[in-house]
Protein backbone atom coordinates (compact mmCIF):
# COMPACT_ATOMS: atom_id res chain seq x y z
CA MET A 1 -9.60 -5.57 32.06
CA SER A 2 -10.81 -4.35 28.31
CA GLU A 3 -7.34 -2.46 27.83
CA TYR A 4 -5.82 -5.62 29.09
CA LEU A 5 -7.83 -7.98 26.30
CA PHE A 6 -6.89 -5.04 23.43
CA LEU A 7 -3.37 -5.16 24.32
CA GLU A 8 -3.22 -9.58 23.71
CA GLN A 9 -5.37 -9.09 20.48
CA LEU A 10 -3.25 -6.59 19.26
CA LYS A 11 -0.33 -9.12 20.39
CA ARG A 12 -2.07 -11.96 18.30
CA ALA A 13 -2.62 -9.26 15.37
CA PHE A 14 1.68 -9.16 15.46
CA ALA A 15 1.72 -13.15 15.41
CA ILE A 16 -0.85 -13.60 12.38
CA ALA A 17 1.66 -10.17 10.35
CA LYS A 18 5.25 -12.85 11.17
CA LYS A 19 3.11 -15.75 9.74
CA ASP A 20 2.04 -13.97 6.72
CA LEU A 21 5.28 -12.78 6.15
CA ARG A 22 7.31 -15.60 6.54
CA ILE A 23 4.46 -17.84 4.18
CA TYR A 24 3.27 -14.74 1.30
CA TYR A 25 6.06 -12.38 0.99
CA LYS A 26 7.77 -15.93 -1.60
CA ARG A 27 4.28 -16.42 -3.25
CA GLY A 28 4.30 -15.57 -7.05
CA PRO A 29 1.34 -12.84 -6.82
CA VAL A 30 3.68 -11.04 -4.64
CA VAL A 31 6.21 -11.21 -6.57
CA ILE A 32 5.42 -9.59 -9.05
CA PHE A 33 3.14 -7.08 -8.63
CA GLY A 34 4.70 -6.46 -5.70
CA LEU A 35 8.68 -6.13 -7.57
CA VAL A 36 9.05 -6.80 -11.17
CA MET A 37 5.55 -4.85 -12.11
CA PRO A 38 6.60 -1.19 -10.74
CA PHE A 39 10.30 -2.12 -12.24
CA PHE A 40 9.53 -2.51 -15.53
CA LEU A 41 6.44 -0.03 -15.52
CA PHE A 42 9.20 2.48 -14.11
CA LEU A 43 11.84 1.25 -17.16
CA ALA A 44 8.62 1.67 -19.65
CA PHE A 45 8.01 5.08 -19.04
CA PHE A 46 11.57 7.25 -18.23
CA ILE A 47 13.77 5.33 -19.98
CA GLY A 48 14.60 7.23 -22.91
CA ARG A 49 13.55 10.08 -21.66
CA ASN A 50 15.47 13.46 -20.56
CA MET A 51 13.87 13.77 -17.08
CA PRO A 52 15.83 15.63 -13.71
CA ILE A 53 16.79 12.32 -11.64
CA GLN A 54 15.22 14.15 -8.85
CA GLN A 55 11.86 13.42 -11.15
CA LEU A 56 12.50 9.79 -11.76
CA PHE A 57 13.26 9.22 -7.99
CA THR A 58 9.72 10.68 -6.90
CA GLY A 59 8.11 8.40 -9.73
CA LEU A 60 9.81 5.18 -8.58
CA LEU A 61 9.60 5.85 -5.17
CA GLY A 62 6.36 6.28 -5.34
CA MET A 63 5.24 2.93 -7.39
CA THR A 64 7.12 0.83 -4.94
CA ILE A 65 5.91 1.60 -2.43
CA PHE A 66 2.27 1.53 -3.39
CA PHE A 67 3.04 -1.84 -5.29
CA ALA A 68 4.43 -3.45 -2.78
CA SER A 69 2.05 -2.34 0.05
CA MET A 70 -0.83 -3.72 -1.58
CA SER A 71 1.01 -6.70 -3.08
CA ILE A 72 0.49 -9.38 0.07
CA GLY A 73 -2.97 -7.64 1.38
CA PRO A 74 -5.16 -8.95 -1.89
CA ALA A 75 -3.77 -12.19 -1.70
CA ILE A 76 -3.60 -13.13 1.65
CA VAL A 77 -7.25 -13.77 2.48
CA PRO A 78 -8.25 -15.81 -0.76
CA PHE A 79 -5.18 -18.13 0.30
CA GLU A 80 -6.01 -18.52 3.62
CA ALA A 81 -9.24 -19.61 2.71
CA ARG A 82 -8.86 -21.90 -0.16
CA SER A 83 -6.14 -23.43 2.01
CA ARG A 84 -8.84 -24.11 4.73
CA THR A 85 -6.35 -21.63 7.18
CA LEU A 86 -8.67 -19.25 8.28
CA GLU A 87 -11.26 -21.09 9.51
CA ARG A 88 -8.37 -22.39 12.16
CA LEU A 89 -8.22 -18.67 12.41
CA VAL A 90 -11.37 -18.13 13.74
CA SER A 91 -12.00 -20.99 15.26
CA THR A 92 -8.70 -19.89 17.73
CA PRO A 93 -9.39 -16.46 20.43
CA VAL A 94 -8.44 -13.97 17.33
CA SER A 95 -11.17 -10.89 17.48
CA ALA A 96 -11.92 -10.93 13.60
CA TRP A 97 -10.50 -7.01 13.87
CA ALA A 98 -7.11 -8.25 15.12
CA LEU A 99 -7.00 -10.58 12.48
CA PHE A 100 -7.28 -8.71 9.20
CA ILE A 101 -4.92 -5.34 11.71
CA GLY A 102 -2.13 -8.61 11.52
CA ASP A 103 -2.89 -9.11 7.95
CA VAL A 104 -2.48 -4.81 7.62
CA ILE A 105 0.89 -4.90 9.50
CA ALA A 106 2.30 -7.98 7.23
CA SER A 107 1.86 -5.57 4.32
CA PHE A 108 3.04 -2.48 5.22
CA VAL A 109 6.10 -4.27 6.76
CA TYR A 110 6.74 -5.79 3.39
CA GLY A 111 5.89 -2.22 2.00
CA ILE A 112 8.12 -0.11 3.96
CA LEU A 113 11.30 -2.90 3.71
CA ILE A 114 10.65 -2.60 0.02
CA SER A 115 10.53 1.08 -0.75
CA VAL A 116 13.88 1.85 1.40
CA VAL A 117 15.96 0.08 -1.79
CA PRO A 118 14.60 2.95 -4.17
CA LEU A 119 15.19 5.53 -1.20
CA ILE A 120 19.03 4.44 -0.80
CA ILE A 121 19.27 3.84 -4.37
CA GLY A 122 18.62 7.65 -4.41
CA LEU A 123 20.75 8.68 -2.18
CA VAL A 124 23.94 6.46 -3.24
CA PHE A 125 22.85 8.28 -6.75
CA GLY A 126 22.95 11.78 -5.44
CA VAL A 127 19.12 11.98 -5.14
CA ASN A 128 19.17 15.74 -2.99
CA ILE A 129 16.41 14.95 0.14
CA THR A 130 15.81 18.33 1.80
CA ASN A 131 13.58 17.05 4.11
CA LEU A 132 14.59 13.26 5.41
CA LEU A 133 12.15 12.88 8.55
CA ILE A 134 9.29 14.54 6.72
CA LEU A 135 9.97 11.90 3.59
CA CYS A 136 10.48 8.80 6.30
CA LEU A 137 7.14 9.75 8.04
CA GLY A 138 5.35 10.24 4.76
CA MET A 139 6.72 6.66 3.22
CA ILE A 140 5.15 5.04 6.41
CA LEU A 141 2.20 7.07 6.29
CA ALA A 142 1.69 5.88 2.83
CA ALA A 143 2.85 2.34 3.18
CA PHE A 144 0.67 1.56 6.17
CA CYS A 145 -2.52 3.43 4.00
CA PHE A 146 -1.83 1.59 0.74
CA ALA A 147 -1.96 -1.68 2.87
CA SER A 148 -4.92 -1.31 4.50
CA PHE A 149 -6.19 -0.52 1.01
CA GLY A 150 -5.25 -3.88 -0.18
CA ILE A 151 -6.55 -5.48 2.57
CA LEU A 152 -10.25 -3.27 1.94
CA LEU A 153 -10.21 -4.67 -2.70
CA SER A 154 -9.49 -8.57 -0.89
CA ALA A 155 -12.30 -7.69 0.91
CA TYR A 156 -15.47 -8.24 -1.84
CA PRO A 157 -16.52 -9.95 -3.56
CA PRO A 158 -15.31 -12.60 -0.90
CA THR A 159 -13.88 -15.73 -2.93
CA ASP A 160 -11.32 -18.36 -2.31
CA VAL A 161 -9.70 -18.15 -5.80
CA PRO A 162 -6.25 -15.02 -5.61
CA SER A 163 -6.56 -14.90 -9.17
CA THR A 164 -10.15 -13.88 -9.02
CA VAL A 165 -8.97 -10.88 -6.13
CA MET A 166 -5.13 -9.86 -8.00
CA MET A 167 -7.70 -9.29 -11.08
CA ILE A 168 -10.00 -7.22 -9.08
CA SER A 169 -7.43 -5.16 -7.44
CA ASN A 170 -4.80 -4.80 -10.54
CA LEU A 171 -8.03 -2.50 -12.03
CA VAL A 172 -8.27 -0.67 -9.15
CA LYS A 173 -3.98 -0.14 -9.00
CA PHE A 174 -3.63 0.53 -12.42
CA PRO A 175 -5.37 3.57 -13.10
CA LEU A 176 -4.41 4.96 -10.37
CA VAL A 177 -0.48 5.55 -10.48
CA PHE A 178 -1.44 7.22 -14.02
CA ILE A 179 -3.26 10.12 -12.64
CA SER A 180 -1.43 10.12 -9.58
CA GLY A 181 2.00 12.85 -10.26
CA VAL A 182 3.60 9.65 -10.59
CA PHE A 183 4.24 9.98 -14.28
CA ILE A 184 2.71 13.64 -15.00
CA PRO A 185 2.81 15.94 -11.95
CA VAL A 186 -0.46 17.77 -10.73
CA SER A 187 0.00 20.79 -11.30
CA ALA A 188 0.34 19.84 -15.22
CA MET A 189 -2.94 17.90 -15.46
CA PRO A 190 -5.88 19.61 -16.38
CA ASP A 191 -8.71 20.51 -14.50
CA TRP A 192 -10.44 17.64 -14.26
CA GLY A 193 -6.69 16.00 -14.15
CA ARG A 194 -6.86 17.30 -10.98
CA ILE A 195 -10.19 16.29 -9.52
CA ILE A 196 -9.92 12.98 -10.26
CA ALA A 197 -6.28 13.27 -8.38
CA SER A 198 -7.72 14.28 -6.02
CA PHE A 199 -9.71 11.43 -5.24
CA SER A 200 -6.11 8.77 -4.94
CA PRO A 201 -4.09 8.69 -2.13
CA LEU A 202 -1.03 7.64 -4.10
CA THR A 203 -1.51 11.28 -5.22
CA TYR A 204 -0.44 12.91 -1.54
CA PHE A 205 2.36 10.56 -1.05
CA THR A 206 3.32 11.40 -4.72
CA ASP A 207 3.31 15.09 -3.55
CA LEU A 208 5.34 14.78 -0.63
CA ALA A 209 8.23 13.30 -2.03
CA SER A 210 7.91 15.98 -4.60
CA TYR A 211 8.19 18.68 -1.74
CA CYS A 212 11.12 16.44 -0.25
CA THR A 213 13.17 16.07 -3.44
CA GLN A 214 12.10 19.10 -5.41
CA GLY A 215 11.09 20.74 -3.63
CA VAL A 216 8.07 22.48 -4.69
CA SER A 217 3.90 20.76 -4.00
CA TYR A 218 1.08 21.32 -5.67
CA TYR A 219 -0.75 20.65 -1.90
CA SER A 220 0.95 21.41 1.40
CA VAL A 221 2.91 18.76 3.15
CA VAL A 222 -0.47 19.91 6.31
CA VAL A 223 -2.92 18.37 2.98
CA ASP A 224 -1.13 15.51 2.47
CA PHE A 225 -0.32 14.02 5.40
CA ALA A 226 -3.77 14.51 6.82
CA ALA A 227 -5.19 13.28 3.45
CA LEU A 228 -2.91 9.93 3.85
CA THR A 229 -3.72 9.80 7.30
CA GLY A 230 -8.14 10.35 6.24
CA PHE A 231 -7.63 7.61 3.73
CA THR A 232 -5.94 5.19 6.30
CA LEU A 233 -8.44 5.43 8.76
CA LEU A 234 -11.01 5.30 5.43
CA PHE A 235 -9.65 1.99 4.50
CA LEU A 236 -8.63 0.29 7.70
CA ILE A 237 -12.43 0.72 9.14
CA ALA A 238 -14.12 -0.80 5.76
CA ALA A 239 -11.90 -2.70 5.19
CA ILE A 240 -12.39 -4.47 8.91
CA LYS A 241 -16.52 -3.97 8.39
CA ILE A 242 -16.67 -6.05 5.62
CA HIS A 243 -14.49 -8.32 5.85
CA GLU A 244 -16.48 -9.73 9.36
CA ARG A 245 -19.65 -9.27 7.12
CA THR A 246 -18.59 -11.73 4.36
CA LEU A 247 -16.57 -13.49 6.78
CA PRO A 248 -18.88 -16.53 7.17
CA GLU A 249 -19.38 -16.64 3.42
CA ARG A 250 -15.86 -17.65 3.15
CA LEU A 251 -15.41 -20.40 5.35
């Protein structure tokens, strides 16, 4: 019986994800911070620099999947709290965990769909991907990890003002991009930089992408996958727990 109830809640989570994708993927903050921002950030740093295409591809792919997977999550909860949609969802037979898992799934799907674009561009322009399977598995795990992180960032403060949540989200996202090996390889960082970089989930995906395209990585593939898995579980559990505790304040 418990397994049946779990599957029913999971179906409702997928229904919520479908609703989120239909409603939020065209929102201004999602478009700006999920597509426009990583593109111009990439151009600002890489244009005019004599860098190998493999490294350019690694940086572009890392930024795209990071920003795209985290673009919907922080916007969903405050938007729904403001429009009173959250009250209607809570009054339906949907568990709180299923509600937020649905938001994570929507962010994950959006992140994967957008990150396929630089992957295809890289293949067209001759990027040598030596381990396509490992890269694809890493993209899937990283997108779910970053999607969970995005939902976590919307958990506190419990506000219905999307701009407040987006501001907090950007204050976290941008420093992580600069310390995660996207612009400067982890191996080229000073010791204190490597220590800080180890606390960023993006570091491990960037390292994994570097291994799959350049054959060089600072960590092993096992460590990269283990770290991404650990961050995913941490972000997901923390997001659900905090949202459950702060949910009454949003209603």
